[in-house]
């Protein structure tokens, strides 16, 4: 196995890994978790503004 073959295999593996991470991140199953994470800073600011009291 020469150096060019190793580089090609590593490149192919990295492309597959990148595509897998991209598919995982944009899958509909992850949408709810990402929406909750996006709202977290706003909820923390609201809690700090009213003295840390929880709204029930």
PDB file of N, CA and C in Angstrom:
ATOM      1  N   UNK A   1       0.847  -1.169   0.000  1.00  0.00           N
ATOM      2  CA  UNK A   1       0.000   0.000   0.000  1.00  0.00           C
ATOM      3  C   UNK A   1       0.898   1.238   0.000  1.00  0.00           C
ATOM      4  N   UNK A   2       0.720   2.053  -0.994  1.00  0.00           N
ATOM      5  CA  UNK A   2       1.539   3.262  -1.063  1.00  0.00           C
ATOM      6  C   UNK A   2       0.820   4.439  -0.395  1.00  0.00           C
ATOM      7  N   UNK A   3       1.529   5.541  -0.293  1.00  0.00           N
ATOM      8  CA  UNK A   3       1.029   6.716   0.412  1.00  0.00           C
ATOM      9  C   UNK A   3      -0.234   7.289  -0.233  1.00  0.00           C
ATOM     10  N   UNK A   4      -0.343   7.259  -1.536  1.00  0.00           N
ATOM     11  CA  UNK A   4      -1.523   7.780  -2.227  1.00  0.00           C
ATOM     12  C   UNK A   4      -2.774   6.991  -1.891  1.00  0.00           C
ATOM     13  N   UNK A   5      -2.650   5.682  -1.756  1.00  0.00           N
ATOM     14  CA  UNK A   5      -3.793   4.849  -1.391  1.00  0.00           C
ATOM     15  C   UNK A   5      -4.260   5.169   0.029  1.00  0.00           C
ATOM     16  N   UNK A   6      -3.315   5.333   0.929  1.00  0.00           N
ATOM     17  CA  UNK A   6      -3.655   5.676   2.316  1.00  0.00           C
ATOM     18  C   UNK A   6      -4.386   7.013   2.358  1.00  0.00           C
ATOM     19  N   UNK A   7      -3.894   7.980   1.625  1.00  0.00           N
ATOM     20  CA  UNK A   7      -4.557   9.293   1.592  1.00  0.00           C
ATOM     21  C   UNK A   7      -5.970   9.177   1.034  1.00  0.00           C
ATOM     22  N   UNK A   8      -6.147   8.378  -0.001  1.00  0.00           N
ATOM     23  CA  UNK A   8      -7.475   8.198  -0.580  1.00  0.00           C
ATOM     24  C   UNK A   8      -8.439   7.537   0.382  1.00  0.00           C
ATOM     25  N   UNK A   9      -7.976   6.517   1.088  1.00  0.00           N
ATOM     26  CA  UNK A   9      -8.829   5.821   2.048  1.00  0.00           C
ATOM     27  C   UNK A   9      -9.200   6.749   3.202  1.00  0.00           C
ATOM     28  N   UNK A  10      -8.245   7.493   3.710  1.00  0.00           N
ATOM     29  CA  UNK A  10      -8.525   8.431   4.805  1.00  0.00           C
ATOM     30  C   UNK A  10      -9.516   9.496   4.351  1.00  0.00           C
ATOM     31  N   UNK A  11      -9.349  10.009   3.158  1.00  0.00           N
ATOM     32  CA  UNK A  11     -10.278  11.008   2.629  1.00  0.00           C
ATOM     33  C   UNK A  11     -11.684  10.435   2.513  1.00  0.00           C
ATOM     34  N   UNK A  12     -11.803   9.225   1.993  1.00  0.00           N
ATOM     35  CA  UNK A  12     -13.115   8.589   1.851  1.00  0.00           C
ATOM     36  C   UNK A  12     -13.771   8.371   3.214  1.00  0.00           C
ATOM     37  N   UNK A  13     -13.002   7.924   4.191  1.00  0.00           N
ATOM     38  CA  UNK A  13     -13.547   7.705   5.534  1.00  0.00           C
ATOM     39  C   UNK A  13     -14.024   9.023   6.137  1.00  0.00           C
ATOM     40  N   UNK A  14     -13.250  10.074   5.983  1.00  0.00           N
ATOM     41  CA  UNK A  14     -13.646  11.371   6.535  1.00  0.00           C
ATOM     42  C   UNK A  14     -14.899  11.921   5.859  1.00  0.00           C
ATOM     43  N   UNK A  15     -15.048  11.698   4.569  1.00  0.00           N
ATOM     44  CA  UNK A  15     -16.257  12.142   3.870  1.00  0.00           C
ATOM     45  C   UNK A  15     -17.475  11.395   4.399  1.00  0.00           C
ATOM     46  N   UNK A  16     -17.345  10.094   4.615  1.00  0.00           N
ATOM     47  CA  UNK A  16     -18.457   9.299   5.146  1.00  0.00           C
ATOM     48  C   UNK A  16     -18.807   9.747   6.566  1.00  0.00           C
ATOM     49  N   UNK A  17     -17.803  10.005   7.390  1.00  0.00           N
ATOM     50  CA  UNK A  17     -18.047  10.480   8.756  1.00  0.00           C
ATOM     51  C   UNK A  17     -18.746  11.839   8.725  1.00  0.00           C
ATOM     52  N   UNK A  18     -18.292  12.736   7.884  1.00  0.00           N
ATOM     53  CA  UNK A  18     -18.909  14.057   7.765  1.00  0.00           C
ATOM     54  C   UNK A  18     -20.369  13.924   7.331  1.00  0.00           C
ATOM     55  N   UNK A  19     -20.628  13.092   6.335  1.00  0.00           N
ATOM     56  CA  UNK A  19     -22.000  12.903   5.862  1.00  0.00           C
ATOM     57  C   UNK A  19     -22.877  12.316   6.966  1.00  0.00           C
ATOM     58  N   UNK A  20     -22.334  11.404   7.758  1.00  0.00           N
ATOM     59  CA  UNK A  20     -23.096  10.821   8.858  1.00  0.00           C
ATOM     60  C   UNK A  20     -23.438  11.841   9.924  1.00  0.00           C
ATOM     61  N   UNK A  21     -22.485  12.675  10.291  1.00  0.00           N
ATOM     62  CA  UNK A  21     -22.740  13.723  11.286  1.00  0.00           C
ATOM     63  C   UNK A  21     -23.751  14.729  10.748  1.00  0.00           C
ATOM     64  N   UNK A  22     -23.625  15.084   9.491  1.00  0.00           N
ATOM     65  CA  UNK A  22     -24.566  16.017   8.872  1.00  0.00           C
ATOM     66  C   UNK A  22     -25.979  15.440   8.891  1.00  0.00           C
ATOM     67  N   UNK A  23     -26.122  14.174   8.508  1.00  0.00           N
ATOM     68  CA  UNK A  23     -27.439  13.534   8.497  1.00  0.00           C
ATOM     69  C   UNK A  23     -28.014  13.452   9.911  1.00  0.00           C
ATOM     70  N   UNK A  24     -27.178  13.132  10.895  1.00  0.00           N
ATOM     71  CA  UNK A  24     -27.642  13.043  12.277  1.00  0.00           C
ATOM     72  C   UNK A  24     -28.117  14.410  12.774  1.00  0.00           C
ATOM     73  N   UNK A  25     -27.341  15.444  12.487  1.00  0.00           N
ATOM     74  CA  UNK A  25     -27.668  16.781  12.987  1.00  0.00           C
ATOM     75  C   UNK A  25     -28.943  17.333  12.369  1.00  0.00           C
ATOM     76  N   UNK A  26     -29.199  17.037  11.128  1.00  0.00           N
ATOM     77  CA  UNK A  26     -30.361  17.575  10.443  1.00  0.00           C
ATOM     78  C   UNK A  26     -31.537  16.610  10.394  1.00  0.00           C
ATOM     79  N   UNK A  27     -31.461  15.495  11.106  1.00  0.00           N
ATOM     80  CA  UNK A  27     -32.568  14.543  11.095  1.00  0.00           C
ATOM     81  C   UNK A  27     -33.753  15.123  11.869  1.00  0.00           C
ATOM     82  N   UNK A  28     -34.958  14.800  11.450  1.00  0.00           N
ATOM     83  CA  UNK A  28     -36.141  15.315  12.138  1.00  0.00           C
ATOM     84  C   UNK A  28     -36.208  14.900  13.610  1.00  0.00           C
ATOM     85  N   UNK A  29     -35.616  13.788  13.962  1.00  0.00           N
ATOM     86  CA  UNK A  29     -35.648  13.336  15.350  1.00  0.00           C
ATOM     87  C   UNK A  29     -34.875  14.282  16.267  1.00  0.00           C
ATOM     88  N   UNK A  30     -33.900  15.007  15.765  1.00  0.00           N
ATOM     89  CA  UNK A  30     -33.086  15.924  16.567  1.00  0.00           C
ATOM     90  C   UNK A  30     -33.689  17.319  16.660  1.00  0.00           C
ATOM     91  N   UNK A  31     -34.709  17.603  15.882  1.00  0.00           N
ATOM     92  CA  UNK A  31     -35.281  18.952  15.818  1.00  0.00           C
ATOM     93  C   UNK A  31     -35.764  19.439  17.190  1.00  0.00           C
ATOM     94  N   UNK A  32     -36.447  18.582  17.951  1.00  0.00           N
ATOM     95  CA  UNK A  32     -36.973  18.985  19.252  1.00  0.00           C
ATOM     96  C   UNK A  32     -35.837  19.324  20.220  1.00  0.00           C
ATOM     97  N   UNK A  33     -34.808  18.505  20.248  1.00  0.00           N
ATOM     98  CA  UNK A  33     -33.682  18.759  21.157  1.00  0.00           C
ATOM     99  C   UNK A  33     -32.976  20.063  20.804  1.00  0.00           C
ATOM    100  N   UNK A  34     -32.800  20.331  19.517  1.00  0.00           N
ATOM    101  CA  UNK A  34     -32.143  21.568  19.106  1.00  0.00           C
ATOM    102  C   UNK A  34     -33.028  22.780  19.395  1.00  0.00           C
ATOM    103  N   UNK A  35     -34.342  22.638  19.259  1.00  0.00           N
ATOM    104  CA  UNK A  35     -35.245  23.745  19.571  1.00  0.00           C
ATOM    105  C   UNK A  35     -35.195  24.072  21.065  1.00  0.00           C
ATOM    106  N   UNK A  36     -35.142  23.046  21.903  1.00  0.00           N
ATOM    107  CA  UNK A  36     -35.030  23.279  23.344  1.00  0.00           C
ATOM    108  C   UNK A  36     -33.701  23.947  23.688  1.00  0.00           C
ATOM    109  N   UNK A  37     -32.630  23.518  23.055  1.00  0.00           N
ATOM    110  CA  UNK A  37     -31.317  24.113  23.308  1.00  0.00           C
ATOM    111  C   UNK A  37     -31.285  25.570  22.849  1.00  0.00           C
ATOM    112  N   UNK A  38     -31.994  25.879  21.775  1.00  0.00           N
ATOM    113  CA  UNK A  38     -32.021  27.249  21.270  1.00  0.00           C
ATOM    114  C   UNK A  38     -32.780  28.177  22.220  1.00  0.00           C
ATOM    115  N   UNK A  39     -33.787  27.648  22.918  1.00  0.00           N
ATOM    116  CA  UNK A  39     -34.563  28.464  23.855  1.00  0.00           C
ATOM    117  C   UNK A  39     -33.896  28.604  25.221  1.00  0.00           C
ATOM    118  N   UNK A  40     -32.921  27.783  25.538  1.00  0.00           N
ATOM    119  CA  UNK A  40     -32.310  27.767  26.875  1.00  0.00           C
ATOM    120  C   UNK A  40     -31.767  29.133  27.306  1.00  0.00           C
ATOM    121  N   UNK A  41     -31.031  29.857  26.475  1.00  0.00           N
ATOM    122  CA  UNK A  41     -30.528  31.170  26.927  1.00  0.00           C
ATOM    123  C   UNK A  41     -31.653  32.156  27.247  1.00  0.00           C
ATOM    124  N   UNK A  42     -32.732  32.099  26.500  1.00  0.00           N
ATOM    125  CA  UNK A  42     -33.848  33.009  26.747  1.00  0.00           C
ATOM    126  C   UNK A  42     -34.538  32.672  28.060  1.00  0.00           C
ATOM    127  N   UNK A  43     -34.670  31.391  28.359  1.00  0.00           N
ATOM    128  CA  UNK A  43     -35.301  30.983  29.606  1.00  0.00           C
ATOM    129  C   UNK A  43     -34.427  31.351  30.798  1.00  0.00           C
ATOM    130  N   UNK A  44     -33.113  31.256  30.654  1.00  0.00           N
ATOM    131  CA  UNK A  44     -32.206  31.637  31.739  1.00  0.00           C
ATOM    132  C   UNK A  44     -32.279  33.135  32.005  1.00  0.00           C
ATOM    133  N   UNK A  45     -32.384  33.947  30.956  1.00  0.00           N
ATOM    134  CA  UNK A  45     -32.497  35.393  31.131  1.00  0.00           C
ATOM    135  C   UNK A  45     -33.797  35.749  31.832  1.00  0.00           C
ATOM    136  N   UNK A  46     -34.884  35.069  31.485  1.00  0.00           N
ATOM    137  CA  UNK A  46     -36.169  35.345  32.120  1.00  0.00           C
ATOM    138  C   UNK A  46     -36.122  34.965  33.594  1.00  0.00           C
ATOM    139  N   UNK A  47     -35.478  33.860  33.925  1.00  0.00           N
ATOM    140  CA  UNK A  47     -35.377  33.438  35.323  1.00  0.00           C
ATOM    141  C   UNK A  47     -34.517  34.416  36.114  1.00  0.00           C
ATOM    142  N   UNK A  48     -33.464  34.925  35.525  1.00  0.00           N
ATOM    143  CA  UNK A  48     -32.592  35.881  36.213  1.00  0.00           C
ATOM    144  C   UNK A  48     -33.302  37.218  36.401  1.00  0.00           C
ATOM    145  N   UNK A  49     -34.149  37.607  35.460  1.00  0.00           N
ATOM    146  CA  UNK A  49     -34.836  38.894  35.532  1.00  0.00           C
ATOM    147  C   UNK A  49     -35.852  38.938  36.669  1.00  0.00           C
ATOM    148  N   UNK A  50     -36.472  37.801  36.998  1.00  0.00           N
ATOM    149  CA  UNK A  50     -37.459  37.810  38.077  1.00  0.00           C
ATOM    150  C   UNK A  50     -36.901  37.213  39.369  1.00  0.00           C
ATOM    151  N   UNK A  51     -35.619  37.286  39.543  1.00  0.00           N
ATOM    152  CA  UNK A  51     -35.000  36.853  40.789  1.00  0.00           C
ATOM    153  C   UNK A  51     -34.811  35.357  40.917  1.00  0.00           C
ATOM    154  N   UNK A  52     -34.900  34.633  39.829  1.00  0.00           N
ATOM    155  CA  UNK A  52     -34.683  33.194  39.868  1.00  0.00           C
ATOM    156  C   UNK A  52     -35.896  32.386  40.277  1.00  0.00           C
ATOM    157  N   UNK A  53     -37.050  33.041  40.382  1.00  0.00           N
ATOM    158  CA  UNK A  53     -38.261  32.311  40.750  1.00  0.00           C
ATOM    159  C   UNK A  53     -38.767  31.513  39.563  1.00  0.00           C
ATOM    160  N   UNK A  54     -39.260  30.321  39.834  1.00  0.00           N
ATOM    161  CA  UNK A  54     -39.831  29.482  38.778  1.00  0.00           C
ATOM    162  C   UNK A  54     -41.274  29.892  38.536  1.00  0.00           C
ATOM    163  N   UNK A  55     -41.656  29.891  37.278  1.00  0.00           N
ATOM    164  CA  UNK A  55     -43.048  30.142  36.913  1.00  0.00           C
ATOM    165  C   UNK A  55     -43.771  28.819  36.868  1.00  0.00           C
ATOM    166  N   UNK A  56     -44.907  28.773  37.548  1.00  0.00           N
ATOM    167  CA  UNK A  56     -45.680  27.526  37.522  1.00  0.00           C
ATOM    168  C   UNK A  56     -47.076  27.780  37.053  1.00  0.00           C
TER     169      UNK A  56
END
